[in-house]
Amino acid sequence: MTATPIEPQTTAMAESTKGFVPAVLLCFFLGSLGVHRFYLGKIGTGILMLLTLGGLGIWSLIDFVRLVVGSMKDKNGLPLRR
């Protein structure tokens, strides 16, 4: 019987396939339409933003700040690729 080698655990987090720069630009220029939410795969909240015009701009501003700070993630909860 042979022993199988134990693989070391990696501590690197997985990254989203969605980019940081496109998400920020979409939010800046089309944030009130929720296009950045559609890009990130968050279809439900994208539709809500579209219907409310980004929460009259407030929701768009909050999303823009969250994107720039790095706290907004894609639909799978992965951080955006920088």
Protein backbone atom coordinates (compact mmCIF):
# COMPACT_ATOMS: atom_id res chain seq x y z
CA MET A 1 0.00 0.00 0.00
CA THR A 2 1.44 3.38 -1.03
CA ALA A 3 0.80 6.61 0.76
CA THR A 4 -0.80 9.41 -1.21
CA PRO A 5 0.82 12.81 -0.83
CA ILE A 6 -1.19 15.42 0.99
CA GLU A 7 -1.67 18.57 -1.07
CA PRO A 8 -1.02 21.83 0.78
CA GLN A 9 -4.03 24.08 1.12
CA THR A 10 -3.88 27.29 -0.84
CA THR A 11 -4.92 30.48 0.88
CA ALA A 12 -5.40 32.44 -2.34
CA MET A 13 -9.00 33.50 -2.89
CA ALA A 14 -10.72 32.80 -6.16
CA GLU A 15 -11.37 35.80 -8.38
CA SER A 16 -14.36 36.65 -10.49
CA THR A 17 -14.15 36.64 -14.27
CA LYS A 18 -15.73 40.09 -14.19
CA GLY A 19 -13.36 43.04 -14.26
CA PHE A 20 -13.14 45.94 -11.84
CA VAL A 21 -12.66 48.68 -14.45
CA PRO A 22 -15.64 47.76 -16.67
CA ALA A 23 -17.90 47.55 -13.61
CA VAL A 24 -16.80 50.98 -12.35
CA LEU A 25 -17.22 52.57 -15.78
CA LEU A 26 -20.66 51.03 -16.28
CA CYS A 27 -21.72 52.22 -12.84
CA PHE A 28 -20.39 55.74 -13.45
CA PHE A 29 -22.00 56.24 -16.85
CA LEU A 30 -25.09 53.99 -16.67
CA GLY A 31 -25.50 53.48 -12.93
CA SER A 32 -29.06 54.76 -12.75
CA LEU A 33 -30.07 52.06 -15.25
CA GLY A 34 -28.40 49.30 -13.21
CA VAL A 35 -26.22 48.12 -16.11
CA HIS A 36 -23.31 47.36 -13.78
CA ARG A 37 -25.58 45.00 -11.80
CA PHE A 38 -26.50 43.13 -14.99
CA TYR A 39 -22.78 42.92 -15.82
CA LEU A 40 -22.04 41.39 -12.42
CA GLY A 41 -24.83 38.82 -12.91
CA LYS A 42 -27.22 40.35 -10.37
CA ILE A 43 -30.23 40.36 -12.67
CA GLY A 44 -32.94 40.82 -10.02
CA THR A 45 -31.42 43.91 -8.44
CA GLY A 46 -30.50 45.17 -11.91
CA ILE A 47 -34.17 45.15 -12.86
CA LEU A 48 -35.06 46.92 -9.60
CA MET A 49 -32.46 49.60 -10.30
CA LEU A 50 -33.80 49.99 -13.82
CA LEU A 51 -37.37 50.46 -12.58
CA THR A 52 -36.42 52.92 -9.82
CA LEU A 53 -33.74 54.75 -11.84
CA GLY A 54 -31.08 53.62 -9.41
CA GLY A 55 -33.11 54.52 -6.36
CA LEU A 56 -33.29 58.07 -7.74
CA GLY A 57 -29.51 58.09 -7.94
CA ILE A 58 -28.83 57.23 -4.31
CA TRP A 59 -28.48 53.49 -4.91
CA SER A 60 -26.19 54.20 -7.87
CA LEU A 61 -23.95 56.40 -5.76
CA ILE A 62 -23.74 53.77 -3.02
CA ASP A 63 -22.88 51.09 -5.59
CA PHE A 64 -20.19 53.32 -7.11
CA VAL A 65 -18.55 53.81 -3.72
CA ARG A 66 -18.80 50.07 -2.96
CA LEU A 67 -17.16 49.26 -6.30
CA VAL A 68 -14.30 51.70 -5.79
CA VAL A 69 -13.68 50.51 -2.22
CA GLY A 70 -13.83 46.87 -3.35
CA SER A 71 -16.68 45.63 -1.21
CA MET A 72 -19.01 44.80 -4.11
CA LYS A 73 -18.76 41.26 -5.43
CA ASP A 74 -20.23 39.34 -8.37
CA LYS A 75 -23.28 37.07 -8.19
CA ASN A 76 -21.14 34.19 -6.85
CA GLY A 77 -19.71 36.31 -4.03
CA LEU A 78 -16.26 36.50 -5.64
CA PRO A 79 -14.21 39.70 -5.62
CA LEU A 80 -13.79 41.45 -8.96
CA ARG A 81 -10.63 40.93 -11.01
CA ARG A 82 -8.36 43.98 -10.77
